[in-house]
Protein backbone atom coordinates (compact mmCIF):
# COMPACT_ATOMS: atom_id res chain seq x y z
CA MET A 1 -32.85 -31.55 -17.14
CA THR A 2 -32.58 -27.67 -17.97
CA ILE A 3 -29.92 -25.52 -16.46
CA VAL A 4 -30.60 -21.30 -16.79
CA ALA A 5 -27.57 -19.52 -17.23
CA ARG A 6 -27.75 -15.94 -16.71
CA HIS A 7 -25.58 -13.56 -18.87
CA ASP A 8 -26.85 -10.07 -17.88
CA PRO A 9 -25.08 -8.44 -15.40
CA ARG A 10 -25.80 -7.92 -11.85
CA ILE A 11 -24.37 -5.36 -9.41
CA LEU A 12 -23.69 -6.71 -5.83
CA THR A 13 -22.02 -2.97 -4.35
CA VAL A 14 -21.86 0.42 -5.61
CA GLU A 15 -19.27 2.97 -4.77
CA VAL A 16 -19.29 6.81 -5.97
CA THR A 17 -16.58 9.08 -5.57
CA ASP A 18 -16.23 12.93 -6.94
CA GLU A 19 -14.48 11.49 -10.26
CA LEU A 20 -16.29 7.75 -10.86
CA ILE A 21 -19.16 5.23 -10.20
CA SER A 22 -17.88 1.95 -9.75
CA ALA A 23 -20.16 -1.23 -9.69
CA HIS A 24 -18.76 -4.39 -8.70
CA LEU A 25 -20.31 -7.29 -10.30
CA ALA A 26 -21.64 -10.92 -9.38
CA ASP A 27 -19.30 -12.26 -11.53
CA GLY A 28 -15.96 -10.77 -9.98
CA ARG A 29 -15.68 -8.03 -12.68
CA THR A 30 -15.56 -4.20 -11.20
CA ILE A 31 -16.57 -1.70 -13.83
CA SER A 32 -16.01 1.97 -13.63
CA VAL A 33 -17.46 5.23 -15.53
CA PRO A 34 -16.57 8.95 -14.81
CA LEU A 35 -18.99 10.64 -12.67
CA ALA A 36 -19.63 12.98 -15.54
CA TRP A 37 -21.41 10.72 -17.58
CA SER A 38 -24.23 11.60 -15.81
CA TRP A 39 -25.01 15.42 -15.34
CA ARG A 40 -27.49 14.18 -12.48
CA LEU A 41 -24.78 13.11 -10.34
CA SER A 42 -22.35 15.34 -11.39
CA ASN A 43 -24.49 18.64 -10.18
CA ALA A 44 -25.38 16.55 -6.95
CA THR A 45 -24.25 17.00 -3.43
CA PRO A 46 -22.01 13.99 -2.04
CA GLY A 47 -24.64 13.25 0.42
CA GLN A 48 -27.33 12.66 -2.24
CA ARG A 49 -24.73 10.68 -4.39
CA GLN A 50 -23.89 8.20 -1.63
CA HIS A 51 -28.11 7.59 -1.35
CA PHE A 52 -28.65 5.09 -4.06
CA GLU A 53 -30.41 1.70 -4.03
CA ILE A 54 -29.66 -1.38 -6.11
CA ILE A 55 -32.58 -2.37 -8.18
CA GLY A 56 -33.86 -4.96 -9.63
CA THR A 57 -31.75 -7.93 -8.82
CA GLY A 58 -28.61 -5.93 -9.61
CA GLN A 59 -29.56 -4.66 -12.95
CA GLY A 60 -29.05 -1.50 -11.97
CA VAL A 61 -28.78 1.57 -9.62
CA HIS A 62 -31.00 4.29 -8.27
CA TRP A 63 -30.44 7.95 -6.95
CA PRO A 64 -33.67 8.77 -5.63
CA ASP A 65 -32.86 12.08 -4.69
CA VAL A 66 -31.82 12.75 -8.31
CA ASP A 67 -34.16 10.92 -10.13
CA GLU A 68 -31.23 8.82 -11.50
CA ASP A 69 -30.89 5.63 -12.80
CA ILE A 70 -27.68 3.74 -14.36
CA SER A 71 -28.42 0.05 -15.25
CA ALA A 72 -25.28 -2.00 -15.52
CA LEU A 73 -25.45 -3.14 -18.96
CA GLY A 74 -25.31 0.84 -19.90
CA MET A 75 -21.76 0.82 -17.60
CA LEU A 76 -20.65 -1.78 -20.00
CA THR A 77 -22.01 -0.41 -23.17
CA GLY A 78 -20.39 3.32 -22.70
CA THR A 79 -24.15 4.71 -22.82
CA PRO A 80 -23.72 8.16 -20.32
CA ALA A 81 -26.51 10.02 -19.29
CA PRO A 82 -27.91 12.23 -22.33
CA PRO A 83 -27.81 16.49 -20.79
CA PRO A 84 -31.25 17.75 -20.95
CA LYS A 85 -32.28 19.76 -24.40
CA GLN A 86 -31.88 23.61 -24.05
CA VAL A 87 -34.89 25.46 -24.67
CA ALA A 88 -34.61 28.44 -27.01
CA ALA A 89 -35.44 31.73 -25.90
CA GLN A 90 -38.13 33.36 -27.72
């Protein structure tokens, strides 16, 4: 008999406030990161922040209005979204 154990985090629900992105995981944990970790969500309207979908089987969250994706693993490992590169004026 083979038993498959899943060790990767799975997001069940998400909450976004003016300060935090919080994900409730299937294993009972809740993880939160500062909203500032996502420059796209920091610049988004409250309505855009609330319009999201959990993608895959809970591996991440996608905000279609601002084209942002955040993974559960990225939240756990502390990987913020890199800001856009500035184009030097010529």
